[in-house]
Amino acid sequence: MHCKNITIRSHGFHTAASRLGLPDCDLISYAEFVDHGQQITEAVSIPVIGDADDGFGNEMNLKRTVRGYIRAGYAGIMLDDQVSVKPCGRGHEKLVASREESVMRIKAAVDARKESGSDIFILGCIDRLAVSLDEAIWRSRAFVEVGADVVFLDNLYSRKETKAFCDAIPQVPKLVAHMGEGGDKPFPTLSEFADIGYKLVAYPFCLLGVSIQAMQRICAFGTQIGELLGLSPFVEWKPTLYI
């Protein structure tokens, strides 16, 4: 891939969709995430952030998860504060773990990184749909205090909230998921995000969405597929597979 300032985020939603064709309901196991990550990191030369959901268990499990993600080649690991068995990643009621358990996940990951001598960065994710903005900011600050390198407040409702989040935690990089790619939220431009205080912007459904649409359009042609106009010849994109 020839990309500038681009990082891949291997999201649980997309992993479940691509591997199983099913929703993000804790169906993907630790081993599958590690295998999926290794396949991606071996195929690209840019950093890959791996979604680890709740870390797959208690403190010991979390440390094992971090070590496995390091071996898989992930540059970063994302841990969220949702309960260990979530109803569904998107579109359903969100439930989060207690403050104590959520902070424990980040601290265990930080400890595992130190014990492994790795530089994998740790991204703490807080779900805004399940808690108040004040509680989300408290959790973000607590994540930073125990060693999170990046914080991500998912499902922010407005530009006002995005600014309040950044103003409350100015000392660490923050990630925002740009749901404006066909979503229902009025999101700023990249330059506006930078002015607000964000360092990372994710487009969570962009590649998955265009891939699905492209396959649907191709399949819709049925027996006429060989007569499609505008489709790049095989010889043009073949080199991509042999970089």
Protein backbone atom coordinates (compact mmCIF):
# COMPACT_ATOMS: atom_id res chain seq x y z
CA MET A 1 0.00 0.00 0.00
CA HIS A 2 1.26 3.48 -0.84
CA CYS A 3 -0.19 5.66 1.92
CA LYS A 4 0.92 8.80 3.71
CA ASN A 5 0.03 9.45 7.36
CA ILE A 6 -2.24 6.41 7.31
CA THR A 7 -2.70 3.79 10.02
CA ILE A 8 -4.94 0.74 9.85
CA ARG A 9 -7.33 0.11 12.74
CA SER A 10 -8.44 -3.52 12.79
CA HIS A 11 -11.85 -3.08 14.41
CA GLY A 12 -13.86 -5.84 16.06
CA PHE A 13 -16.91 -4.92 13.99
CA HIS A 14 -15.01 -5.41 10.76
CA THR A 15 -13.25 -8.56 11.93
CA ALA A 16 -16.59 -10.19 12.76
CA ALA A 17 -18.10 -8.98 9.48
CA SER A 18 -15.23 -10.14 7.26
CA ARG A 19 -14.49 -13.46 8.98
CA LEU A 20 -17.99 -14.56 9.99
CA GLY A 21 -20.44 -12.29 8.19
CA LEU A 22 -22.02 -11.62 11.60
CA PRO A 23 -22.45 -8.65 13.95
CA ASP A 24 -19.94 -7.59 16.60
CA CYS A 25 -21.37 -9.56 19.54
CA ASP A 26 -18.25 -11.03 21.19
CA LEU A 27 -18.17 -13.85 18.65
CA ILE A 28 -14.53 -13.33 17.69
CA SER A 29 -12.07 -14.97 20.08
CA TYR A 30 -8.65 -13.83 21.25
CA ALA A 31 -6.96 -16.39 18.97
CA GLU A 32 -8.93 -15.19 15.94
CA PHE A 33 -8.01 -11.56 16.63
CA VAL A 34 -4.34 -12.51 16.87
CA ASP A 35 -4.50 -14.57 13.67
CA HIS A 36 -6.37 -11.78 11.86
CA GLY A 37 -3.80 -9.23 13.00
CA GLN A 38 -0.85 -11.32 11.91
CA GLN A 39 -2.34 -11.72 8.44
CA ILE A 40 -2.77 -7.95 8.14
CA THR A 41 0.61 -6.94 9.56
CA GLU A 42 2.41 -9.37 7.26
CA ALA A 43 0.66 -7.88 4.22
CA VAL A 44 1.19 -4.15 4.87
CA SER A 45 4.05 -1.88 5.83
CA ILE A 46 2.06 0.70 7.80
CA PRO A 47 1.14 0.56 11.52
CA VAL A 48 -1.88 -1.53 12.51
CA ILE A 49 -3.96 -0.91 15.64
CA GLY A 50 -5.71 -4.02 16.96
CA ASP A 51 -9.09 -3.96 18.67
CA ALA A 52 -8.97 -6.14 21.80
CA ASP A 53 -12.48 -5.41 23.11
CA ASP A 54 -12.39 -5.93 26.90
CA GLY A 55 -9.04 -7.76 26.81
CA PHE A 56 -10.67 -11.20 26.98
CA GLY A 57 -10.86 -11.66 30.72
CA ASN A 58 -9.18 -10.74 33.98
CA GLU A 59 -5.80 -9.15 34.58
CA MET A 60 -3.87 -12.30 33.67
CA ASN A 61 -5.88 -12.69 30.46
CA LEU A 62 -5.25 -9.06 29.58
CA LYS A 63 -1.52 -9.47 29.93
CA ARG A 64 -1.64 -12.54 27.70
CA THR A 65 -3.68 -10.58 25.16
CA VAL A 66 -1.11 -7.77 25.03
CA ARG A 67 1.74 -10.25 24.59
CA GLY A 68 -0.16 -11.99 21.79
CA TYR A 69 -0.88 -8.71 20.02
CA ILE A 70 2.79 -7.79 20.24
CA ARG A 71 3.80 -11.11 18.65
CA ALA A 72 1.16 -10.60 15.94
CA GLY A 73 2.89 -7.37 14.92
CA TYR A 74 0.29 -4.86 16.05
CA ALA A 75 1.66 -1.35 16.61
CA GLY A 76 -1.17 -0.52 19.01
CA ILE A 77 -3.90 -2.20 21.04
CA MET A 78 -7.33 -0.73 21.77
CA LEU A 79 -9.14 -1.69 24.97
CA ASP A 80 -12.70 -0.57 25.71
CA ASP A 81 -14.78 -0.23 28.86
CA GLN A 82 -17.78 -2.27 27.73
CA VAL A 83 -18.93 -5.31 29.69
CA SER A 84 -17.25 -8.60 28.81
CA VAL A 85 -20.30 -9.92 26.95
CA LYS A 86 -21.76 -7.01 25.04
CA PRO A 87 -25.22 -7.07 23.40
CA CYS A 88 -23.81 -5.84 20.08
CA GLY A 89 -21.11 -3.45 18.95
CA ARG A 90 -23.44 -1.08 17.14
CA GLY A 91 -27.15 -0.36 17.25
CA HIS A 92 -27.97 -1.91 20.65
CA GLU A 93 -27.96 -0.76 24.25
CA LYS A 94 -24.44 -0.23 25.55
CA LEU A 95 -23.32 -1.51 28.96
CA VAL A 96 -19.98 -0.64 30.52
CA ALA A 97 -17.86 -2.18 33.25
CA SER A 98 -17.26 -0.47 36.58
CA ARG A 99 -14.68 2.28 36.94
CA GLU A 100 -12.37 -0.08 38.79
CA GLU A 101 -12.50 -2.84 36.18
CA SER A 102 -12.16 -0.44 33.26
CA VAL A 103 -9.07 1.20 34.73
CA MET A 104 -7.64 -2.23 35.63
CA ARG A 105 -7.72 -3.21 31.96
CA ILE A 106 -5.53 -0.28 30.96
CA LYS A 107 -3.14 -0.73 33.89
CA ALA A 108 -2.74 -4.45 33.14
CA ALA A 109 -1.97 -3.63 29.50
CA VAL A 110 0.62 -1.05 30.55
CA ASP A 111 2.23 -3.56 32.93
CA ALA A 112 2.33 -6.23 30.21
CA ARG A 113 3.99 -3.81 27.80
CA LYS A 114 6.65 -2.96 30.35
CA GLU A 115 7.25 -6.64 31.18
CA SER A 116 7.57 -7.45 27.47
CA GLY A 117 9.98 -4.60 26.71
CA SER A 118 7.70 -3.54 23.86
CA ASP A 119 6.74 -0.11 22.57
CA ILE A 120 3.17 -1.09 21.55
CA PHE A 121 0.94 1.89 22.25
CA ILE A 122 -2.22 1.53 24.32
CA LEU A 123 -5.47 3.16 23.29
CA GLY A 124 -8.24 3.38 25.89
CA CYS A 125 -11.79 3.56 24.55
CA ILE A 126 -14.77 4.90 26.52
CA ASP A 127 -18.31 4.48 25.22
CA ARG A 128 -20.21 7.77 25.43
CA LEU A 129 -23.55 6.07 24.72
CA ALA A 130 -23.44 4.24 28.06
CA VAL A 131 -22.31 7.05 30.38
CA SER A 132 -22.63 10.80 30.84
CA LEU A 133 -20.06 13.12 29.33
CA ASP A 134 -18.71 13.90 32.81
CA GLU A 135 -18.28 10.20 33.56
CA ALA A 136 -16.64 9.62 30.19
CA ILE A 137 -14.14 12.39 30.87
CA TRP A 138 -13.43 10.95 34.34
CA ARG A 139 -12.69 7.56 32.79
CA SER A 140 -10.50 9.13 30.12
CA ARG A 141 -8.43 10.95 32.73
CA ALA A 142 -8.13 7.76 34.80
CA PHE A 143 -6.92 5.85 31.73
CA VAL A 144 -4.26 8.49 31.13
CA GLU A 145 -3.16 8.42 34.76
CA VAL A 146 -2.39 4.69 34.63
CA GLY A 147 -0.53 4.94 31.32
CA ALA A 148 -2.82 5.03 28.27
CA ASP A 149 -1.05 6.68 25.32
CA VAL A 150 -4.21 7.64 23.39
CA VAL A 151 -7.83 8.03 24.50
CA PHE A 152 -10.90 7.57 22.34
CA LEU A 153 -14.35 8.73 23.42
CA ASP A 154 -16.68 6.82 21.12
CA ASN A 155 -20.13 8.01 20.07
CA LEU A 156 -19.78 11.70 20.83
CA TYR A 157 -23.03 13.53 20.18
CA SER A 158 -21.95 16.97 18.99
CA ARG A 159 -19.12 19.32 18.12
CA LYS A 160 -19.58 20.89 21.55
CA GLU A 161 -18.86 17.52 23.18
CA THR A 162 -15.82 16.85 21.00
CA LYS A 163 -14.32 20.18 22.11
CA ALA A 164 -15.21 19.61 25.77
CA PHE A 165 -13.48 16.24 25.63
CA CYS A 166 -10.30 17.65 24.09
CA ASP A 167 -10.21 20.64 26.45
CA ALA A 168 -10.57 18.35 29.47
CA ILE A 169 -7.60 16.13 28.53
CA PRO A 170 -5.07 18.28 26.64
CA GLN A 171 -1.97 16.29 27.64
CA VAL A 172 -2.43 13.17 25.46
CA PRO A 173 -3.35 12.45 21.83
CA LYS A 174 -7.03 11.78 21.20
CA LEU A 175 -8.78 9.78 18.50
CA VAL A 176 -12.18 10.49 17.01
CA ALA A 177 -14.23 8.20 14.78
CA HIS A 178 -15.50 10.21 11.82
CA MET A 179 -19.03 8.86 11.44
CA GLY A 180 -19.81 11.53 8.86
CA GLU A 181 -19.01 9.04 6.09
CA GLY A 182 -22.71 8.43 5.56
CA GLY A 183 -23.58 8.55 9.25
CA ASP A 184 -26.11 10.73 11.02
CA LYS A 185 -23.78 13.08 12.90
CA PRO A 186 -22.66 16.59 11.85
CA PHE A 187 -18.89 16.13 11.96
CA PRO A 188 -16.15 18.71 11.36
CA THR A 189 -13.56 18.58 8.60
CA LEU A 190 -10.07 17.20 9.22
CA SER A 191 -8.66 20.69 9.76
CA GLU A 192 -11.45 21.50 12.21
CA PHE A 193 -10.75 18.29 14.12
CA ALA A 194 -7.10 19.38 14.38
CA ASP A 195 -8.14 22.81 15.65
CA ILE A 196 -10.37 21.20 18.28
CA GLY A 197 -7.43 19.14 19.52
CA TYR A 198 -7.57 15.72 17.89
CA LYS A 199 -4.43 13.99 16.62
CA LEU A 200 -6.05 10.88 15.09
CA VAL A 201 -9.19 10.55 12.97
CA ALA A 202 -10.65 7.13 12.12
CA TYR A 203 -12.96 6.38 9.21
CA PRO A 204 -14.39 3.13 10.60
CA PHE A 205 -16.70 2.09 7.78
CA CYS A 206 -15.05 3.62 4.73
CA LEU A 207 -13.07 0.64 3.35
CA LEU A 208 -15.60 -1.96 4.45
CA GLY A 209 -18.46 0.04 2.94
CA VAL A 210 -16.87 0.60 -0.46
CA SER A 211 -15.80 -3.07 -0.61
CA ILE A 212 -19.34 -4.30 0.04
CA GLN A 213 -20.85 -1.85 -2.44
CA ALA A 214 -18.33 -2.76 -5.12
CA MET A 215 -19.05 -6.49 -4.75
CA GLN A 216 -22.80 -5.87 -4.76
CA ARG A 217 -22.53 -3.80 -7.94
CA ILE A 218 -20.41 -6.40 -9.67
CA CYS A 219 -22.71 -9.26 -8.68
CA ALA A 220 -25.76 -7.30 -9.85
CA PHE A 221 -24.49 -7.57 -13.43
CA GLY A 222 -24.82 -11.35 -13.32
CA THR A 223 -24.00 -12.94 -16.66
CA GLN A 224 -23.07 -9.56 -18.14
CA ILE A 225 -20.09 -9.19 -15.81
CA GLY A 226 -17.62 -9.74 -18.64
CA GLU A 227 -18.98 -6.73 -20.48
CA LEU A 228 -18.50 -4.22 -17.68
CA LEU A 229 -17.02 -0.92 -18.78
CA GLY A 230 -14.56 0.99 -16.63
CA LEU A 231 -13.21 -2.05 -14.80
CA SER A 232 -9.43 -1.88 -14.60
CA PRO A 233 -7.66 -4.69 -16.49
CA PHE A 234 -6.07 -7.39 -14.38
CA VAL A 235 -2.60 -6.38 -15.53
CA GLU A 236 -3.08 -2.92 -13.97
CA TRP A 237 -3.79 -4.00 -10.41
CA LYS A 238 -1.86 -7.30 -10.44
CA PRO A 239 1.41 -5.57 -9.28
CA THR A 240 -0.37 -4.55 -6.05
CA LEU A 241 -0.27 -8.19 -4.96
CA TYR A 242 3.45 -8.49 -5.56
CA ILE A 243 4.87 -5.40 -3.86
